[in-house]
Amino acid sequence: MRDVGEAPRSVHDAAQELGLGARKGLVANSPRSLPWAPLIGLTLVSVLLLTVAVTFAVNDQRTEGAWYYSLPLLILAMVPPAVLVWLLVAWSRGRDHQRWIAWYEGGVVYYAEGFETHAYPWAQIDSLVRHDVKVTNGVVSATTRKLHVRATDGLSFTVSDDEYAGMAPFAEGLTDTFSRVRVAEDAARLEAGECLWFGVLGMTLGGVGREDKRIGWDEVERIDVKHGDVRIHRRGQLTAWLKVPAPGFPNLVVFLNLADALRRSASTG
């Protein structure tokens, strides 16, 4: 994968400290910069109007003995500076930070400029959630792809293709590596008798489903993702037995791999 440049030293140091291995991918966002053109224009207009207004006020004070004759002009001259201040405050409040997200053989590192660096081995990543949102204005449509990464300590961060160049291959590589590790870990948890939850769906060695609707693996014909839904098909049933929205489904690749292995084991056992 082509990198977008070098991340700060703290990202590399955090990965080295945890022994995450070689870096496989790196993305960085592009924060908005100050709108220099309108700001410079407003500044020039402000200086010009204030100079004219003050000149008239001084002249009125000298000739008429009352500077406030020019008060309407002074008030008008204050409008551009007020707009200028408002723009600066609005930009400051909505200002985004430069952020870097890197994934390594053994985990992920997240860093936002001016904040602490966060590094996590795969075992400390709680979930990966994919959201693909299609937006249309009636003529042109576009799909925004997002990958939400949530760590076990509660920190979460998002990689989206409207903020990060190269998001698609980055997210694919990260998801594949994380999923291979998590499948092995979750398979061991299943063998130990645990129930694994993927959003509203619970999975055990005995079966899958929601709390109020479950079937055994020997009854499952297949599980697929179609038309935006994760669909569980029951043997002998024409329509899907259960549908769950795919967007927002945590660790979907892990779920599908485990489900396929358990279904095959039940059908041959």
C-alpha atoms as a PDB file:
ATOM      1  CA  MET A   1       0.000   0.000   0.000  1.00  0.00           C
ATOM      2  CA  ARG A   2       1.237   3.505  -0.805  1.00  0.00           C
ATOM      3  CA  ASP A   3       1.786   5.539   2.352  1.00  0.00           C
ATOM      4  CA  VAL A   4       0.580   9.125   2.608  1.00  0.00           C
ATOM      5  CA  GLY A   5       3.806  10.252   4.248  1.00  0.00           C
ATOM      6  CA  GLU A   6       5.587   9.826   7.503  1.00  0.00           C
ATOM      7  CA  ALA A   7       3.653   9.926  10.745  1.00  0.00           C
ATOM      8  CA  PRO A   8       5.041  11.717  13.828  1.00  0.00           C
ATOM      9  CA  ARG A   9       7.781   9.931  15.720  1.00  0.00           C
ATOM     10  CA  SER A  10       5.391   9.224  18.600  1.00  0.00           C
ATOM     11  CA  VAL A  11       3.375   6.847  16.375  1.00  0.00           C
ATOM     12  CA  HIS A  12       6.442   4.784  15.548  1.00  0.00           C
ATOM     13  CA  ASP A  13       7.661   4.836  19.157  1.00  0.00           C
ATOM     14  CA  ALA A  14       4.283   3.668  20.519  1.00  0.00           C
ATOM     15  CA  ALA A  15       4.191   0.776  18.056  1.00  0.00           C
ATOM     16  CA  GLN A  16       7.751  -0.222  18.906  1.00  0.00           C
ATOM     17  CA  GLU A  17       7.051  -0.087  22.636  1.00  0.00           C
ATOM     18  CA  LEU A  18       4.200  -2.589  22.279  1.00  0.00           C
ATOM     19  CA  GLY A  19       6.071  -4.718  19.745  1.00  0.00           C
ATOM     20  CA  LEU A  20       3.425  -4.343  17.042  1.00  0.00           C
ATOM     21  CA  GLY A  21       5.861  -5.278  14.296  1.00  0.00           C
ATOM     22  CA  ALA A  22       6.098  -3.800  10.822  1.00  0.00           C
ATOM     23  CA  ARG A  23       3.788  -1.050   9.707  1.00  0.00           C
ATOM     24  CA  LYS A  24       1.399  -2.135   6.978  1.00  0.00           C
ATOM     25  CA  GLY A  25      -0.719   0.941   6.383  1.00  0.00           C
ATOM     26  CA  LEU A  26      -0.966   4.625   7.229  1.00  0.00           C
ATOM     27  CA  VAL A  27      -3.595   7.286   6.554  1.00  0.00           C
ATOM     28  CA  ALA A  28      -3.797  10.942   7.567  1.00  0.00           C
ATOM     29  CA  ASN A  29      -6.633  13.430   7.281  1.00  0.00           C
ATOM     30  CA  SER A  30      -6.524  16.874   5.690  1.00  0.00           C
ATOM     31  CA  PRO A  31      -7.840  19.439   8.183  1.00  0.00           C
ATOM     32  CA  ARG A  32      -9.481  22.571   6.885  1.00  0.00           C
ATOM     33  CA  SER A  33      -7.174  25.558   6.591  1.00  0.00           C
ATOM     34  CA  LEU A  34      -8.089  29.155   7.303  1.00  0.00           C
ATOM     35  CA  PRO A  35     -10.147  30.771   4.480  1.00  0.00           C
ATOM     36  CA  TRP A  36      -7.383  33.249   3.743  1.00  0.00           C
ATOM     37  CA  ALA A  37      -8.928  34.969   0.693  1.00  0.00           C
ATOM     38  CA  PRO A  38     -12.137  36.225   2.384  1.00  0.00           C
ATOM     39  CA  LEU A  39     -10.262  36.993   5.595  1.00  0.00           C
ATOM     40  CA  ILE A  40      -7.712  39.165   3.797  1.00  0.00           C
ATOM     41  CA  GLY A  41     -10.503  40.874   1.850  1.00  0.00           C
ATOM     42  CA  LEU A  42     -12.503  41.604   5.011  1.00  0.00           C
ATOM     43  CA  THR A  43      -9.407  42.881   6.767  1.00  0.00           C
ATOM     44  CA  LEU A  44      -8.666  45.358   3.969  1.00  0.00           C
ATOM     45  CA  VAL A  45     -12.304  46.522   3.857  1.00  0.00           C
ATOM     46  CA  SER A  46     -12.341  46.876   7.658  1.00  0.00           C
ATOM     47  CA  VAL A  47      -9.193  48.992   7.698  1.00  0.00           C
ATOM     48  CA  LEU A  48     -10.482  51.191   4.871  1.00  0.00           C
ATOM     49  CA  LEU A  49     -13.928  51.781   6.384  1.00  0.00           C
ATOM     50  CA  LEU A  50     -12.575  52.377   9.878  1.00  0.00           C
ATOM     51  CA  THR A  51     -10.036  54.865   8.519  1.00  0.00           C
ATOM     52  CA  VAL A  52     -12.739  56.770   6.628  1.00  0.00           C
ATOM     53  CA  ALA A  53     -15.164  56.712   9.593  1.00  0.00           C
ATOM     54  CA  VAL A  54     -12.548  57.903  12.094  1.00  0.00           C
ATOM     55  CA  THR A  55     -11.423  60.621   9.690  1.00  0.00           C
ATOM     56  CA  PHE A  56     -14.991  61.916   9.358  1.00  0.00           C
ATOM     57  CA  ALA A  57     -15.509  61.744  13.129  1.00  0.00           C
ATOM     58  CA  VAL A  58     -12.320  63.733  13.806  1.00  0.00           C
ATOM     59  CA  ASN A  59     -13.292  66.266  11.167  1.00  0.00           C
ATOM     60  CA  ASP A  60     -16.801  66.647  12.642  1.00  0.00           C
ATOM     61  CA  GLN A  61     -15.332  67.142  16.104  1.00  0.00           C
ATOM     62  CA  ARG A  62     -12.988  69.808  14.771  1.00  0.00           C
ATOM     63  CA  THR A  63     -15.540  71.712  12.663  1.00  0.00           C
ATOM     64  CA  GLU A  64     -18.876  71.039  14.417  1.00  0.00           C
ATOM     65  CA  GLY A  65     -17.702  70.170  17.918  1.00  0.00           C
ATOM     66  CA  ALA A  66     -19.640  66.904  17.792  1.00  0.00           C
ATOM     67  CA  TRP A  67     -17.939  63.720  16.614  1.00  0.00           C
ATOM     68  CA  TYR A  68     -21.138  61.728  17.015  1.00  0.00           C
ATOM     69  CA  TYR A  69     -22.489  63.212  13.789  1.00  0.00           C
ATOM     70  CA  SER A  70     -20.441  60.464  12.179  1.00  0.00           C
ATOM     71  CA  LEU A  71     -21.838  57.752  14.464  1.00  0.00           C
ATOM     72  CA  PRO A  72     -23.880  56.005  11.689  1.00  0.00           C
ATOM     73  CA  LEU A  73     -20.728  55.770   9.587  1.00  0.00           C
ATOM     74  CA  LEU A  74     -18.743  54.459  12.573  1.00  0.00           C
ATOM     75  CA  ILE A  75     -21.391  51.791  13.219  1.00  0.00           C
ATOM     76  CA  LEU A  76     -21.350  50.778   9.551  1.00  0.00           C
ATOM     77  CA  ALA A  77     -17.550  50.585   9.627  1.00  0.00           C
ATOM     78  CA  MET A  78     -17.730  48.117  12.538  1.00  0.00           C
ATOM     79  CA  VAL A  79     -19.709  45.544  10.532  1.00  0.00           C
ATOM     80  CA  PRO A  80     -16.789  44.068   8.516  1.00  0.00           C
ATOM     81  CA  PRO A  81     -14.552  43.676  11.637  1.00  0.00           C
ATOM     82  CA  ALA A  82     -17.452  41.982  13.460  1.00  0.00           C
ATOM     83  CA  VAL A  83     -17.911  39.548  10.555  1.00  0.00           C
ATOM     84  CA  LEU A  84     -14.160  38.938  10.540  1.00  0.00           C
ATOM     85  CA  VAL A  85     -14.135  38.069  14.242  1.00  0.00           C
ATOM     86  CA  TRP A  86     -17.168  35.822  13.822  1.00  0.00           C
ATOM     87  CA  LEU A  87     -15.476  33.898  11.003  1.00  0.00           C
ATOM     88  CA  LEU A  88     -12.317  33.397  13.062  1.00  0.00           C
ATOM     89  CA  VAL A  89     -14.264  32.174  16.095  1.00  0.00           C
ATOM     90  CA  ALA A  90     -16.406  29.831  13.965  1.00  0.00           C
ATOM     91  CA  TRP A  91     -13.325  28.381  12.282  1.00  0.00           C
ATOM     92  CA  SER A  92     -11.573  27.948  15.629  1.00  0.00           C
ATOM     93  CA  ARG A  93     -14.522  26.075  17.148  1.00  0.00           C
ATOM     94  CA  GLY A  94     -14.962  23.813  14.134  1.00  0.00           C
ATOM     95  CA  ARG A  95     -11.252  23.361  13.503  1.00  0.00           C
ATOM     96  CA  ASP A  96     -10.234  19.781  12.981  1.00  0.00           C
ATOM     97  CA  HIS A  97      -6.966  18.342  14.231  1.00  0.00           C
ATOM     98  CA  GLN A  98      -4.385  16.621  12.106  1.00  0.00           C
ATOM     99  CA  ARG A  99      -4.784  12.895  12.746  1.00  0.00           C
ATOM    100  CA  TRP A 100      -2.799   9.814  11.804  1.00  0.00           C
ATOM    101  CA  ILE A 101      -3.971   6.201  11.974  1.00  0.00           C
ATOM    102  CA  ALA A 102      -1.530   3.370  11.323  1.00  0.00           C
ATOM    103  CA  TRP A 103      -2.007  -0.361  11.440  1.00  0.00           C
ATOM    104  CA  TYR A 104       0.775  -2.838  12.035  1.00  0.00           C
ATOM    105  CA  GLU A 105       1.151  -6.589  12.007  1.00  0.00           C
ATOM    106  CA  GLY A 106       0.155  -6.630  15.659  1.00  0.00           C
ATOM    107  CA  GLY A 107      -2.251  -3.754  16.128  1.00  0.00           C
ATOM    108  CA  VAL A 108      -3.281  -0.136  15.564  1.00  0.00           C
ATOM    109  CA  VAL A 109      -1.905   3.287  16.559  1.00  0.00           C
ATOM    110  CA  TYR A 110      -4.003   6.461  16.608  1.00  0.00           C
ATOM    111  CA  TYR A 111      -2.634   9.974  17.093  1.00  0.00           C
ATOM    112  CA  ALA A 112      -4.317  13.389  16.966  1.00  0.00           C
ATOM    113  CA  GLU A 113      -2.001  16.388  16.956  1.00  0.00           C
ATOM    114  CA  GLY A 114      -1.711  17.897  20.407  1.00  0.00           C
ATOM    115  CA  PHE A 115      -3.109  14.836  22.176  1.00  0.00           C
ATOM    116  CA  GLU A 116      -1.824  11.567  23.583  1.00  0.00           C
ATOM    117  CA  THR A 117      -0.797   8.749  21.251  1.00  0.00           C
ATOM    118  CA  HIS A 118      -2.926   5.607  21.593  1.00  0.00           C
ATOM    119  CA  ALA A 119      -1.546   2.206  20.627  1.00  0.00           C
ATOM    120  CA  TYR A 120      -3.492  -1.051  20.802  1.00  0.00           C
ATOM    121  CA  PRO A 121      -2.565  -4.655  20.060  1.00  0.00           C
ATOM    122  CA  TRP A 122      -5.348  -6.543  18.310  1.00  0.00           C
ATOM    123  CA  ALA A 123      -6.511  -8.056  21.602  1.00  0.00           C
ATOM    124  CA  GLN A 124      -7.388  -4.545  22.812  1.00  0.00           C
ATOM    125  CA  ILE A 125      -9.526  -3.712  19.785  1.00  0.00           C
ATOM    126  CA  ASP A 126     -13.124  -4.380  20.765  1.00  0.00           C
ATOM    127  CA  SER A 127     -14.784  -4.024  17.383  1.00  0.00           C
ATOM    128  CA  LEU A 128     -14.622  -2.852  13.795  1.00  0.00           C
ATOM    129  CA  VAL A 129     -17.861  -1.491  12.376  1.00  0.00           C
ATOM    130  CA  ARG A 130     -18.382  -0.610   8.726  1.00  0.00           C
ATOM    131  CA  HIS A 131     -20.830   2.082   7.613  1.00  0.00           C
ATOM    132  CA  ASP A 132     -21.424   2.793   3.927  1.00  0.00           C
ATOM    133  CA  VAL A 133     -23.832   5.713   3.502  1.00  0.00           C
ATOM    134  CA  LYS A 134     -25.285   6.592   0.103  1.00  0.00           C
ATOM    135  CA  VAL A 135     -26.195  10.249  -0.381  1.00  0.00           C
ATOM    136  CA  THR A 136     -28.134  11.493  -3.396  1.00  0.00           C
ATOM    137  CA  ASN A 137     -29.432  14.882  -4.490  1.00  0.00           C
ATOM    138  CA  GLY A 138     -31.816  13.436  -7.052  1.00  0.00           C
ATOM    139  CA  VAL A 139     -29.309  13.624  -9.906  1.00  0.00           C
ATOM    140  CA  VAL A 140     -25.926  12.503  -8.588  1.00  0.00           C
ATOM    141  CA  SER A 141     -25.348   9.973  -5.829  1.00  0.00           C
ATOM    142  CA  ALA A 142     -22.217   9.225  -3.857  1.00  0.00           C
ATOM    143  CA  THR A 143     -21.348   6.664  -1.210  1.00  0.00           C
ATOM    144  CA  THR A 144     -19.319   7.626   1.848  1.00  0.00           C
ATOM    145  CA  ARG A 145     -17.476   4.693   3.378  1.00  0.00           C
ATOM    146  CA  LYS A 146     -16.548   4.703   7.036  1.00  0.00           C
ATOM    147  CA  LEU A 147     -14.799   2.255   9.332  1.00  0.00           C
ATOM    148  CA  HIS A 148     -15.279   2.782  13.072  1.00  0.00           C
ATOM    149  CA  VAL A 149     -12.590   1.312  15.305  1.00  0.00           C
ATOM    150  CA  ARG A 150     -13.437   0.890  18.990  1.00  0.00           C
ATOM    151  CA  ALA A 151     -10.875  -0.082  21.601  1.00  0.00           C
ATOM    152  CA  THR A 152     -11.587  -1.931  24.846  1.00  0.00           C
ATOM    153  CA  ASP A 153     -10.798   1.218  26.868  1.00  0.00           C
ATOM    154  CA  GLY A 154     -13.699   3.025  25.188  1.00  0.00           C
ATOM    155  CA  LEU A 155     -11.727   5.146  22.722  1.00  0.00           C
ATOM    156  CA  SER A 156     -13.100   5.083  19.201  1.00  0.00           C
ATOM    157  CA  PHE A 157     -11.984   6.669  15.973  1.00  0.00           C
ATOM    158  CA  THR A 158     -13.232   6.662  12.409  1.00  0.00           C
ATOM    159  CA  VAL A 159     -11.559   6.296   9.023  1.00  0.00           C
ATOM    160  CA  SER A 160     -13.717   7.691   6.204  1.00  0.00           C
ATOM    161  CA  ASP A 161     -13.002   8.130   2.525  1.00  0.00           C
ATOM    162  CA  ASP A 162     -14.114  11.774   2.594  1.00  0.00           C
ATOM    163  CA  GLU A 163     -11.372  12.621   5.114  1.00  0.00           C
ATOM    164  CA  TYR A 164      -8.602  10.092   4.492  1.00  0.00           C
ATOM    165  CA  ALA A 165      -7.056   9.425   1.090  1.00  0.00           C
ATOM    166  CA  GLY A 166      -6.488   5.716   0.504  1.00  0.00           C
ATOM    167  CA  MET A 167      -9.139   4.734   3.036  1.00  0.00           C
ATOM    168  CA  ALA A 168     -10.438   1.712   1.061  1.00  0.00           C
ATOM    169  CA  PRO A 169      -7.221  -0.381   0.865  1.00  0.00           C
ATOM    170  CA  PHE A 170      -6.257   0.762   4.364  1.00  0.00           C
ATOM    171  CA  ALA A 171      -9.572  -0.383   5.860  1.00  0.00           C
ATOM    172  CA  GLU A 172      -9.513  -3.638   3.904  1.00  0.00           C
ATOM    173  CA  GLY A 173      -6.027  -4.557   5.112  1.00  0.00           C
ATOM    174  CA  LEU A 174      -6.753  -3.591   8.705  1.00  0.00           C
ATOM    175  CA  THR A 175     -10.042  -5.516   8.731  1.00  0.00           C
ATOM    176  CA  ASP A 176      -8.544  -8.660   7.207  1.00  0.00           C
ATOM    177  CA  THR A 177      -5.632  -8.802   9.655  1.00  0.00           C
ATOM    178  CA  PHE A 178      -7.774  -8.026  12.700  1.00  0.00           C
ATOM    179  CA  SER A 179     -10.387 -10.588  11.634  1.00  0.00           C
ATOM    180  CA  ARG A 180      -7.843 -13.408  11.237  1.00  0.00           C
ATOM    181  CA  VAL A 181      -6.601 -12.800  14.761  1.00  0.00           C
ATOM    182  CA  ARG A 182     -10.067 -12.390  16.256  1.00  0.00           C
ATOM    183  CA  VAL A 183     -11.489 -15.511  14.582  1.00  0.00           C
ATOM    184  CA  ALA A 184      -8.878 -17.666  16.333  1.00  0.00           C
ATOM    185  CA  GLU A 185      -9.473 -15.933  19.685  1.00  0.00           C
ATOM    186  CA  ASP A 186     -13.263 -16.092  19.430  1.00  0.00           C
ATOM    187  CA  ALA A 187     -13.203 -19.730  18.337  1.00  0.00           C
ATOM    188  CA  ALA A 188     -11.340 -20.522  21.556  1.00  0.00           C
ATOM    189  CA  ARG A 189     -13.927 -18.599  23.558  1.00  0.00           C
ATOM    190  CA  LEU A 190     -16.723 -20.563  21.898  1.00  0.00           C
ATOM    191  CA  GLU A 191     -14.981 -23.826  22.719  1.00  0.00           C
ATOM    192  CA  ALA A 192     -14.810 -22.669  26.337  1.00  0.00           C
ATOM    193  CA  GLY A 193     -18.604 -22.336  26.358  1.00  0.00           C
ATOM    194  CA  GLU A 194     -18.978 -18.566  25.969  1.00  0.00           C
ATOM    195  CA  CYS A 195     -21.741 -16.828  24.056  1.00  0.00           C
ATOM    196  CA  LEU A 196     -20.342 -14.228  21.669  1.00  0.00           C
ATOM    197  CA  TRP A 197     -22.433 -11.187  20.851  1.00  0.00           C
ATOM    198  CA  PHE A 198     -22.280  -9.374  17.543  1.00  0.00           C
ATOM    199  CA  GLY A 199     -24.691  -6.531  18.116  1.00  0.00           C
ATOM    200  CA  VAL A 200     -28.119  -8.143  18.604  1.00  0.00           C
ATOM    201  CA  LEU A 201     -26.972 -11.578  17.407  1.00  0.00           C
ATOM    202  CA  GLY A 202     -25.639 -14.102  19.879  1.00  0.00           C
ATOM    203  CA  MET A 203     -23.483 -17.053  18.815  1.00  0.00           C
ATOM    204  CA  THR A 204     -22.664 -20.241  20.709  1.00  0.00           C
ATOM    205  CA  LEU A 205     -21.471 -23.697  19.729  1.00  0.00           C
ATOM    206  CA  GLY A 206     -25.124 -24.699  19.775  1.00  0.00           C
ATOM    207  CA  GLY A 207     -26.682 -22.057  17.574  1.00  0.00           C
ATOM    208  CA  VAL A 208     -27.258 -18.455  16.580  1.00  0.00           C
ATOM    209  CA  GLY A 209     -29.938 -15.774  16.810  1.00  0.00           C
ATOM    210  CA  ARG A 210     -31.378 -13.103  19.027  1.00  0.00           C
ATOM    211  CA  GLU A 211     -32.367 -13.576  22.633  1.00  0.00           C
ATOM    212  CA  ASP A 212     -35.971 -14.308  21.591  1.00  0.00           C
ATOM    213  CA  LYS A 213     -35.271 -16.153  18.343  1.00  0.00           C
ATOM    214  CA  ARG A 214     -32.571 -18.807  17.987  1.00  0.00           C
ATOM    215  CA  ILE A 215     -31.851 -21.887  15.884  1.00  0.00           C
ATOM    216  CA  GLY A 216     -29.218 -24.605  15.977  1.00  0.00           C
ATOM    217  CA  TRP A 217     -26.364 -24.744  13.488  1.00  0.00           C
ATOM    218  CA  ASP A 218     -27.753 -27.951  11.991  1.00  0.00           C
ATOM    219  CA  GLU A 219     -30.839 -25.933  10.978  1.00  0.00           C
ATOM    220  CA  VAL A 220     -28.862 -23.157   9.265  1.00  0.00           C
ATOM    221  CA  GLU A 221     -28.618 -23.565   5.498  1.00  0.00           C
ATOM    222  CA  ARG A 222     -26.449 -20.494   4.917  1.00  0.00           C
ATOM    223  CA  ILE A 223     -25.705 -16.968   6.116  1.00  0.00           C
ATOM    224  CA  ASP A 224     -25.083 -14.226   3.573  1.00  0.00           C
ATOM    225  CA  VAL A 225     -25.033 -10.455   3.185  1.00  0.00           C
ATOM    226  CA  LYS A 226     -27.423  -9.096   0.581  1.00  0.00           C
ATOM    227  CA  HIS A 227     -29.287  -5.834  -0.016  1.00  0.00           C
ATOM    228  CA  GLY A 228     -27.730  -4.290   3.077  1.00  0.00           C
ATOM    229  CA  ASP A 229     -28.751  -7.106   5.451  1.00  0.00           C
ATOM    230  CA  VAL A 230     -27.063 -10.030   7.143  1.00  0.00           C
ATOM    231  CA  ARG A 231     -29.489 -12.840   6.358  1.00  0.00           C
ATOM    232  CA  ILE A 232     -29.750 -16.176   8.139  1.00  0.00           C
ATOM    233  CA  HIS A 233     -31.457 -18.844   6.015  1.00  0.00           C
ATOM    234  CA  ARG A 234     -33.144 -21.827   7.620  1.00  0.00           C
ATOM    235  CA  ARG A 235     -33.208 -25.196   5.876  1.00  0.00           C
ATOM    236  CA  GLY A 236     -36.430 -25.741   3.951  1.00  0.00           C
ATOM    237  CA  GLN A 237     -37.490 -22.083   4.244  1.00  0.00           C
ATOM    238  CA  LEU A 238     -37.742 -19.971   1.075  1.00  0.00           C
ATOM    239  CA  THR A 239     -37.293 -16.580   2.711  1.00  0.00           C
ATOM    240  CA  ALA A 240     -34.637 -15.535   5.182  1.00  0.00           C
ATOM    241  CA  TRP A 241     -35.367 -16.726   8.704  1.00  0.00           C
ATOM    242  CA  LEU A 242     -33.777 -13.618  10.231  1.00  0.00           C
ATOM    243  CA  LYS A 243     -32.428 -10.334   8.868  1.00  0.00           C
ATOM    244  CA  VAL A 244     -30.124  -7.867  10.616  1.00  0.00           C
ATOM    245  CA  PRO A 245     -28.833  -4.615   9.036  1.00  0.00           C
ATOM    246  CA  ALA A 246     -25.252  -5.006   7.817  1.00  0.00           C
ATOM    247  CA  PRO A 247     -24.269  -1.333   8.340  1.00  0.00           C
ATOM    248  CA  GLY A 248     -23.221  -1.024  11.958  1.00  0.00           C
ATOM    249  CA  PHE A 249     -22.768  -4.781  12.416  1.00  0.00           C
ATOM    250  CA  PRO A 250     -19.706  -5.218  14.677  1.00  0.00           C
ATOM    251  CA  ASN A 251     -16.928  -7.537  13.486  1.00  0.00           C
ATOM    252  CA  LEU A 252     -18.984  -8.726  10.533  1.00  0.00           C
ATOM    253  CA  VAL A 253     -16.119 -10.616   8.861  1.00  0.00           C
ATOM    254  CA  VAL A 254     -15.386 -12.455  12.106  1.00  0.00           C
ATOM    255  CA  PHE A 255     -19.046 -13.402  12.501  1.00  0.00           C
ATOM    256  CA  LEU A 256     -19.338 -14.728   8.955  1.00  0.00           C
ATOM    257  CA  ASN A 257     -16.169 -16.813   9.239  1.00  0.00           C
ATOM    258  CA  LEU A 258     -17.140 -18.359  12.579  1.00  0.00           C
ATOM    259  CA  ALA A 259     -20.709 -18.963  11.434  1.00  0.00           C
ATOM    260  CA  ASP A 260     -19.571 -20.727   8.277  1.00  0.00           C
ATOM    261  CA  ALA A 261     -17.182 -22.970  10.234  1.00  0.00           C
ATOM    262  CA  LEU A 262     -19.851 -23.887  12.807  1.00  0.00           C
ATOM    263  CA  ARG A 263     -22.499 -24.515  10.135  1.00  0.00           C
ATOM    264  CA  ARG A 264     -20.157 -26.825   8.185  1.00  0.00           C
ATOM    265  CA  SER A 265     -19.148 -28.655  11.336  1.00  0.00           C
ATOM    266  CA  ALA A 266     -22.805 -29.231  12.264  1.00  0.00           C
ATOM    267  CA  SER A 267     -23.723 -30.487   8.787  1.00  0.00           C
ATOM    268  CA  THR A 268     -20.875 -33.015   8.715  1.00  0.00           C
ATOM    269  CA  GLY A 269     -20.909 -33.986  12.379  1.00  0.00           C
END
